[in-house]
Amino acid sequence: MVLLIAVALGLIGGLMRAKITKGQMRMIDVQHLWLVFVAYIPQFFAFYFTPTQKLIPNKWVPFLLIGSQIFLLFFVWINRKVKGFRLLGLGLLCNFTAIVLNGGFMPIPPYAAQKLIPPDSNLVLELGKRVGLGKDILLSIEETNLWFLGDVLTLPAWMGYPLAFSFGDILISMGAFWLLWELGRPQENSKEASP
């Protein structure tokens, strides 16, 4: 959700920047975009596609999540010279570190996890266990390696959308915004040789 907001704002910002500077949206040369799709496939089947969520054993999930993160980190490394990618990569590295150091799941403290559960839900949270069928594992701050890199942040209740996210997610979102903002950057005028 945080990333989607950043992408939307980045696209709007890039369009407005292009309009203000009387330019047009530019293309950014991103290499090996296919790595993003390869990275997303295991996450899609493990966390978002209902028919397969329950079929994938819990013991496989850490490998799928870590493998997916490795593909994304490789993609960012290849494109590190593109504006926004270094910040995006730093965010991915923060999330990857938290996941690897906490058994292959993203750690979430009880106070953040509790905010995600609807009042009428019968979901029972248990320390040390995966939260529902998501990527998070419920750990107390004391049990979490580098707890501050986990999903410790939540949206305010007045927004009406329960969401926990990490410091890494913020960096990823900032990098994505910067990348899309650059789409509206004015073209550099080439100096014409005088006759």
C-alpha atoms as a PDB file:
ATOM      1  CA  MET A   1       0.000   0.000   0.000  1.00  0.00           C
ATOM      2  CA  VAL A   2       2.796   2.447   0.922  1.00  0.00           C
ATOM      3  CA  LEU A   3       4.566   1.574  -2.329  1.00  0.00           C
ATOM      4  CA  LEU A   4       1.350   1.984  -4.352  1.00  0.00           C
ATOM      5  CA  ILE A   5       0.843   5.455  -2.866  1.00  0.00           C
ATOM      6  CA  ALA A   6       4.445   6.372  -3.734  1.00  0.00           C
ATOM      7  CA  VAL A   7       4.020   5.070  -7.292  1.00  0.00           C
ATOM      8  CA  ALA A   8       0.785   7.032  -7.754  1.00  0.00           C
ATOM      9  CA  LEU A   9       2.332  10.215  -6.323  1.00  0.00           C
ATOM     10  CA  GLY A  10       5.496   9.694  -8.373  1.00  0.00           C
ATOM     11  CA  LEU A  11       3.523   9.335 -11.616  1.00  0.00           C
ATOM     12  CA  ILE A  12       1.384  12.375 -10.807  1.00  0.00           C
ATOM     13  CA  GLY A  13       4.493  14.334  -9.797  1.00  0.00           C
ATOM     14  CA  GLY A  14       6.336  13.310 -12.960  1.00  0.00           C
ATOM     15  CA  LEU A  15       3.368  14.316 -15.134  1.00  0.00           C
ATOM     16  CA  MET A  16       3.024  17.662 -13.371  1.00  0.00           C
ATOM     17  CA  ARG A  17       6.772  18.277 -13.631  1.00  0.00           C
ATOM     18  CA  ALA A  18       6.667  17.575 -17.370  1.00  0.00           C
ATOM     19  CA  LYS A  19       3.648  19.867 -17.800  1.00  0.00           C
ATOM     20  CA  ILE A  20       5.196  22.733 -15.801  1.00  0.00           C
ATOM     21  CA  THR A  21       8.466  22.514 -17.713  1.00  0.00           C
ATOM     22  CA  LYS A  22       6.508  22.156 -20.971  1.00  0.00           C
ATOM     23  CA  GLY A  23       8.262  18.899 -21.686  1.00  0.00           C
ATOM     24  CA  GLN A  24       7.068  15.368 -22.121  1.00  0.00           C
ATOM     25  CA  MET A  25       7.414  12.264 -20.043  1.00  0.00           C
ATOM     26  CA  ARG A  26      10.772  10.606 -20.625  1.00  0.00           C
ATOM     27  CA  MET A  27      11.649   6.968 -20.762  1.00  0.00           C
ATOM     28  CA  ILE A  28      14.171   5.685 -18.264  1.00  0.00           C
ATOM     29  CA  ASP A  29      16.475   2.923 -19.396  1.00  0.00           C
ATOM     30  CA  VAL A  30      15.853   0.115 -16.910  1.00  0.00           C
ATOM     31  CA  GLN A  31      17.715  -3.124 -17.614  1.00  0.00           C
ATOM     32  CA  HIS A  32      16.404  -6.679 -17.087  1.00  0.00           C
ATOM     33  CA  LEU A  33      12.875  -5.763 -15.985  1.00  0.00           C
ATOM     34  CA  TRP A  34      11.981  -9.454 -16.305  1.00  0.00           C
ATOM     35  CA  LEU A  35      13.739 -10.034 -12.956  1.00  0.00           C
ATOM     36  CA  VAL A  36      10.926  -8.140 -11.208  1.00  0.00           C
ATOM     37  CA  PHE A  37       8.316 -10.490 -12.670  1.00  0.00           C
ATOM     38  CA  VAL A  38      10.378 -13.562 -11.760  1.00  0.00           C
ATOM     39  CA  ALA A  39      10.720 -12.197  -8.211  1.00  0.00           C
ATOM     40  CA  TYR A  40       7.000 -11.496  -7.943  1.00  0.00           C
ATOM     41  CA  ILE A  41       5.776 -14.941  -9.075  1.00  0.00           C
ATOM     42  CA  PRO A  42       6.626 -16.835  -5.845  1.00  0.00           C
ATOM     43  CA  GLN A  43       5.173 -14.024  -3.708  1.00  0.00           C
ATOM     44  CA  PHE A  44       1.996 -14.012  -5.789  1.00  0.00           C
ATOM     45  CA  PHE A  45       1.386 -17.733  -5.246  1.00  0.00           C
ATOM     46  CA  ALA A  46       2.473 -17.734  -1.596  1.00  0.00           C
ATOM     47  CA  PHE A  47       0.704 -14.587  -0.375  1.00  0.00           C
ATOM     48  CA  TYR A  48      -1.899 -13.289  -2.830  1.00  0.00           C
ATOM     49  CA  PHE A  49      -3.426 -16.125  -4.872  1.00  0.00           C
ATOM     50  CA  THR A  50      -5.991 -17.772  -2.587  1.00  0.00           C
ATOM     51  CA  PRO A  51      -6.053 -21.239  -4.238  1.00  0.00           C
ATOM     52  CA  THR A  52      -2.306 -21.720  -3.671  1.00  0.00           C
ATOM     53  CA  GLN A  53      -1.823 -19.872  -0.355  1.00  0.00           C
ATOM     54  CA  LYS A  54      -2.929 -22.863   1.719  1.00  0.00           C
ATOM     55  CA  LEU A  55      -1.186 -25.409  -0.506  1.00  0.00           C
ATOM     56  CA  ILE A  56       2.308 -24.021   0.022  1.00  0.00           C
ATOM     57  CA  PRO A  57       3.792 -25.461   3.234  1.00  0.00           C
ATOM     58  CA  ASN A  58       4.996 -22.941   5.837  1.00  0.00           C
ATOM     59  CA  LYS A  59       8.503 -24.404   5.639  1.00  0.00           C
ATOM     60  CA  TRP A  60       8.744 -23.415   1.941  1.00  0.00           C
ATOM     61  CA  VAL A  61       7.637 -19.812   2.463  1.00  0.00           C
ATOM     62  CA  PRO A  62      10.984 -18.510   3.826  1.00  0.00           C
ATOM     63  CA  PHE A  63      12.829 -19.897   0.799  1.00  0.00           C
ATOM     64  CA  LEU A  64      10.301 -18.361  -1.601  1.00  0.00           C
ATOM     65  CA  LEU A  65      10.467 -14.983   0.122  1.00  0.00           C
ATOM     66  CA  ILE A  66      14.255 -14.892   0.394  1.00  0.00           C
ATOM     67  CA  GLY A  67      14.660 -16.101  -3.205  1.00  0.00           C
ATOM     68  CA  SER A  68      12.259 -13.425  -4.381  1.00  0.00           C
ATOM     69  CA  GLN A  69      14.210 -10.752  -2.489  1.00  0.00           C
ATOM     70  CA  ILE A  70      17.485 -11.932  -4.048  1.00  0.00           C
ATOM     71  CA  PHE A  71      16.061 -11.473  -7.565  1.00  0.00           C
ATOM     72  CA  LEU A  72      14.901  -7.963  -6.634  1.00  0.00           C
ATOM     73  CA  LEU A  73      18.281  -7.044  -5.139  1.00  0.00           C
ATOM     74  CA  PHE A  74      20.020  -8.299  -8.276  1.00  0.00           C
ATOM     75  CA  PHE A  75      17.661  -6.194 -10.430  1.00  0.00           C
ATOM     76  CA  VAL A  76      18.425  -3.108  -8.347  1.00  0.00           C
ATOM     77  CA  TRP A  77      22.172  -3.759  -8.488  1.00  0.00           C
ATOM     78  CA  ILE A  78      22.071  -3.950 -12.289  1.00  0.00           C
ATOM     79  CA  ASN A  79      20.195  -0.618 -12.416  1.00  0.00           C
ATOM     80  CA  ARG A  80      22.007   1.120  -9.550  1.00  0.00           C
ATOM     81  CA  LYS A  81      23.074   4.058 -11.738  1.00  0.00           C
ATOM     82  CA  VAL A  82      19.458   4.994 -12.503  1.00  0.00           C
ATOM     83  CA  LYS A  83      18.207   7.768 -10.191  1.00  0.00           C
ATOM     84  CA  GLY A  84      16.116   6.393  -7.359  1.00  0.00           C
ATOM     85  CA  PHE A  85      17.484   2.847  -7.550  1.00  0.00           C
ATOM     86  CA  ARG A  86      20.097   3.223  -4.824  1.00  0.00           C
ATOM     87  CA  LEU A  87      17.479   4.401  -2.333  1.00  0.00           C
ATOM     88  CA  LEU A  88      15.125   1.665  -3.510  1.00  0.00           C
ATOM     89  CA  GLY A  89      17.940  -0.859  -3.103  1.00  0.00           C
ATOM     90  CA  LEU A  90      18.753   0.343   0.411  1.00  0.00           C
ATOM     91  CA  GLY A  91      15.126  -0.241   1.367  1.00  0.00           C
ATOM     92  CA  LEU A  92      15.158  -3.717  -0.177  1.00  0.00           C
ATOM     93  CA  LEU A  93      18.384  -4.508   1.657  1.00  0.00           C
ATOM     94  CA  CYS A  94      16.819  -3.422   4.977  1.00  0.00           C
ATOM     95  CA  ASN A  95      13.824  -5.713   4.380  1.00  0.00           C
ATOM     96  CA  PHE A  96      16.024  -8.567   3.162  1.00  0.00           C
ATOM     97  CA  THR A  97      18.205  -8.291   6.272  1.00  0.00           C
ATOM     98  CA  ALA A  98      15.183  -8.344   8.594  1.00  0.00           C
ATOM     99  CA  ILE A  99      13.724 -11.363   6.786  1.00  0.00           C
ATOM    100  CA  VAL A 100      16.956 -13.382   6.697  1.00  0.00           C
ATOM    101  CA  LEU A 101      17.794 -12.681  10.366  1.00  0.00           C
ATOM    102  CA  ASN A 102      14.308 -13.682  11.520  1.00  0.00           C
ATOM    103  CA  GLY A 103      13.867 -17.100   9.954  1.00  0.00           C
ATOM    104  CA  GLY A 104      12.755 -16.088   6.462  1.00  0.00           C
ATOM    105  CA  PHE A 105       9.707 -14.074   7.523  1.00  0.00           C
ATOM    106  CA  MET A 106       9.258 -10.345   8.108  1.00  0.00           C
ATOM    107  CA  PRO A 107       9.003  -9.793  11.875  1.00  0.00           C
ATOM    108  CA  ILE A 108       6.002  -7.901  13.204  1.00  0.00           C
ATOM    109  CA  PRO A 109       5.495  -6.993  16.866  1.00  0.00           C
ATOM    110  CA  PRO A 110       2.187  -7.804  18.611  1.00  0.00           C
ATOM    111  CA  TYR A 111       1.087  -4.142  18.865  1.00  0.00           C
ATOM    112  CA  ALA A 112       1.347  -3.723  15.057  1.00  0.00           C
ATOM    113  CA  ALA A 113      -0.201  -7.114  14.221  1.00  0.00           C
ATOM    114  CA  GLN A 114      -3.178  -6.453  16.499  1.00  0.00           C
ATOM    115  CA  LYS A 115      -4.040  -3.342  14.465  1.00  0.00           C
ATOM    116  CA  LEU A 116      -4.334  -5.452  11.295  1.00  0.00           C
ATOM    117  CA  ILE A 117      -6.998  -7.819  12.597  1.00  0.00           C
ATOM    118  CA  PRO A 118     -10.630  -6.814  12.074  1.00  0.00           C
ATOM    119  CA  PRO A 119     -12.657  -6.765  15.328  1.00  0.00           C
ATOM    120  CA  ASP A 120     -14.951  -9.596  14.149  1.00  0.00           C
ATOM    121  CA  SER A 121     -12.062 -11.876  13.081  1.00  0.00           C
ATOM    122  CA  ASN A 122     -11.432 -15.229  14.749  1.00  0.00           C
ATOM    123  CA  LEU A 123      -7.724 -15.133  13.865  1.00  0.00           C
ATOM    124  CA  VAL A 124      -5.620 -15.929  16.915  1.00  0.00           C
ATOM    125  CA  LEU A 125      -2.150 -14.428  17.081  1.00  0.00           C
ATOM    126  CA  GLU A 126       0.567 -16.619  18.537  1.00  0.00           C
ATOM    127  CA  LEU A 127       4.130 -15.487  19.229  1.00  0.00           C
ATOM    128  CA  GLY A 128       6.670 -17.205  17.008  1.00  0.00           C
ATOM    129  CA  LYS A 129       4.043 -18.147  14.407  1.00  0.00           C
ATOM    130  CA  ARG A 130       3.252 -16.846  10.942  1.00  0.00           C
ATOM    131  CA  VAL A 131       0.490 -14.231  10.914  1.00  0.00           C
ATOM    132  CA  GLY A 132      -2.306 -15.702   8.814  1.00  0.00           C
ATOM    133  CA  LEU A 133      -1.036 -16.602   5.353  1.00  0.00           C
ATOM    134  CA  GLY A 134       1.127 -13.494   4.950  1.00  0.00           C
ATOM    135  CA  LYS A 135       4.870 -12.878   4.996  1.00  0.00           C
ATOM    136  CA  ASP A 136       4.975 -11.784   8.647  1.00  0.00           C
ATOM    137  CA  ILE A 137       5.956 -13.702  11.758  1.00  0.00           C
ATOM    138  CA  LEU A 138       4.743 -12.500  15.151  1.00  0.00           C
ATOM    139  CA  LEU A 139       7.717 -11.801  17.401  1.00  0.00           C
ATOM    140  CA  SER A 140       8.143  -9.675  20.474  1.00  0.00           C
ATOM    141  CA  ILE A 141      10.651  -6.867  20.103  1.00  0.00           C
ATOM    142  CA  GLU A 142      12.994  -8.694  22.497  1.00  0.00           C
ATOM    143  CA  GLU A 143      12.933 -11.836  20.330  1.00  0.00           C
ATOM    144  CA  THR A 144      13.460  -9.981  17.050  1.00  0.00           C
ATOM    145  CA  ASN A 145      16.840  -9.514  15.444  1.00  0.00           C
ATOM    146  CA  LEU A 146      17.115  -5.861  14.350  1.00  0.00           C
ATOM    147  CA  TRP A 147      13.483  -5.291  15.393  1.00  0.00           C
ATOM    148  CA  PHE A 148      13.502  -1.741  14.024  1.00  0.00           C
ATOM    149  CA  LEU A 149      13.763  -3.146  10.464  1.00  0.00           C
ATOM    150  CA  GLY A 150      10.555  -5.182  10.844  1.00  0.00           C
ATOM    151  CA  ASP A 151       6.960  -4.169  10.137  1.00  0.00           C
ATOM    152  CA  VAL A 152       6.873  -1.879  13.174  1.00  0.00           C
ATOM    153  CA  LEU A 153       5.038   1.093  11.627  1.00  0.00           C
ATOM    154  CA  THR A 154       1.280   1.316  11.069  1.00  0.00           C
ATOM    155  CA  LEU A 155      -1.040   3.739   9.353  1.00  0.00           C
ATOM    156  CA  PRO A 156      -3.115   5.949  11.675  1.00  0.00           C
ATOM    157  CA  ALA A 157      -6.561   4.564  12.503  1.00  0.00           C
ATOM    158  CA  TRP A 158      -8.317   7.573  10.916  1.00  0.00           C
ATOM    159  CA  MET A 159      -7.079   6.408   7.488  1.00  0.00           C
ATOM    160  CA  GLY A 160      -9.375   3.407   7.821  1.00  0.00           C
ATOM    161  CA  TYR A 161      -6.913   0.974   6.235  1.00  0.00           C
ATOM    162  CA  PRO A 162      -5.025  -1.458   8.477  1.00  0.00           C
ATOM    163  CA  LEU A 163      -1.427  -1.719   7.320  1.00  0.00           C
ATOM    164  CA  ALA A 164       1.919  -2.466   8.936  1.00  0.00           C
ATOM    165  CA  PHE A 165       5.103  -1.528   7.124  1.00  0.00           C
ATOM    166  CA  SER A 166       8.819  -1.185   7.676  1.00  0.00           C
ATOM    167  CA  PHE A 167      11.482   1.484   7.439  1.00  0.00           C
ATOM    168  CA  GLY A 168      12.703  -0.423   4.362  1.00  0.00           C
ATOM    169  CA  ASP A 169       9.254  -0.040   2.771  1.00  0.00           C
ATOM    170  CA  ILE A 170       9.531   3.735   3.251  1.00  0.00           C
ATOM    171  CA  LEU A 171      12.942   3.793   1.528  1.00  0.00           C
ATOM    172  CA  ILE A 172      11.631   1.605  -1.314  1.00  0.00           C
ATOM    173  CA  SER A 173       8.684   3.973  -1.735  1.00  0.00           C
ATOM    174  CA  MET A 174      10.935   7.037  -1.717  1.00  0.00           C
ATOM    175  CA  GLY A 175      13.161   5.421  -4.352  1.00  0.00           C
ATOM    176  CA  ALA A 176      10.141   4.550  -6.512  1.00  0.00           C
ATOM    177  CA  PHE A 177       8.810   8.104  -6.172  1.00  0.00           C
ATOM    178  CA  TRP A 178      12.193   9.554  -7.168  1.00  0.00           C
ATOM    179  CA  LEU A 179      12.424   7.218 -10.178  1.00  0.00           C
ATOM    180  CA  LEU A 180       8.969   8.221 -11.421  1.00  0.00           C
ATOM    181  CA  TRP A 181       9.566  11.902 -10.643  1.00  0.00           C
ATOM    182  CA  GLU A 182      12.550  11.718 -12.998  1.00  0.00           C
ATOM    183  CA  LEU A 183      10.204  10.759 -15.847  1.00  0.00           C
ATOM    184  CA  GLY A 184       9.064  14.381 -15.949  1.00  0.00           C
ATOM    185  CA  ARG A 185      12.570  15.865 -15.932  1.00  0.00           C
ATOM    186  CA  PRO A 186      13.135  18.279 -18.816  1.00  0.00           C
ATOM    187  CA  GLN A 187      15.227  17.009 -21.682  1.00  0.00           C
ATOM    188  CA  GLU A 188      18.673  18.541 -21.767  1.00  0.00           C
ATOM    189  CA  ASN A 189      18.952  20.816 -24.768  1.00  0.00           C
ATOM    190  CA  SER A 190      21.823  19.981 -26.979  1.00  0.00           C
ATOM    191  CA  LYS A 191      23.797  23.060 -27.968  1.00  0.00           C
ATOM    192  CA  GLU A 192      23.460  23.755 -31.601  1.00  0.00           C
ATOM    193  CA  ALA A 193      26.589  24.737 -33.381  1.00  0.00           C
ATOM    194  CA  SER A 194      26.435  28.294 -34.656  1.00  0.00           C
ATOM    195  CA  PRO A 195      26.756  28.680 -38.458  1.00  0.00           C
END
